[in-house]
Amino acid sequence: MTTTISQQTIDIVKSTAPVLKQHGQAITTRMYEIMFDRYPEIKTQFDMSAQAMVLNQQNLLLRCMPMLPILTISML
């Protein structure tokens, strides 16, 4: 199934790029703190060693950038 993304969504995602570039690590660190606090059962899906966690966060941030505005709003 293919989903078309609206131009408004594309514009929103593109507008977040400078913020993500500057604050991406802090955003993902806080996101994981909230996520693991609210849903501790998902910790088993992650390698919790310090070095691997940072790499996982950075890799996930790159993969999740298009969804970040939606994820952020849903965590509020």
Foldseek 3Di string as FASTA:
>chain_A
DDDDDDPVLVVVLVVCVVVCVVCVQVVLVVLVVLCCVVPVVCCVVADPDPVRVSVVSVVVCVVCSSVVVVSVVVSD
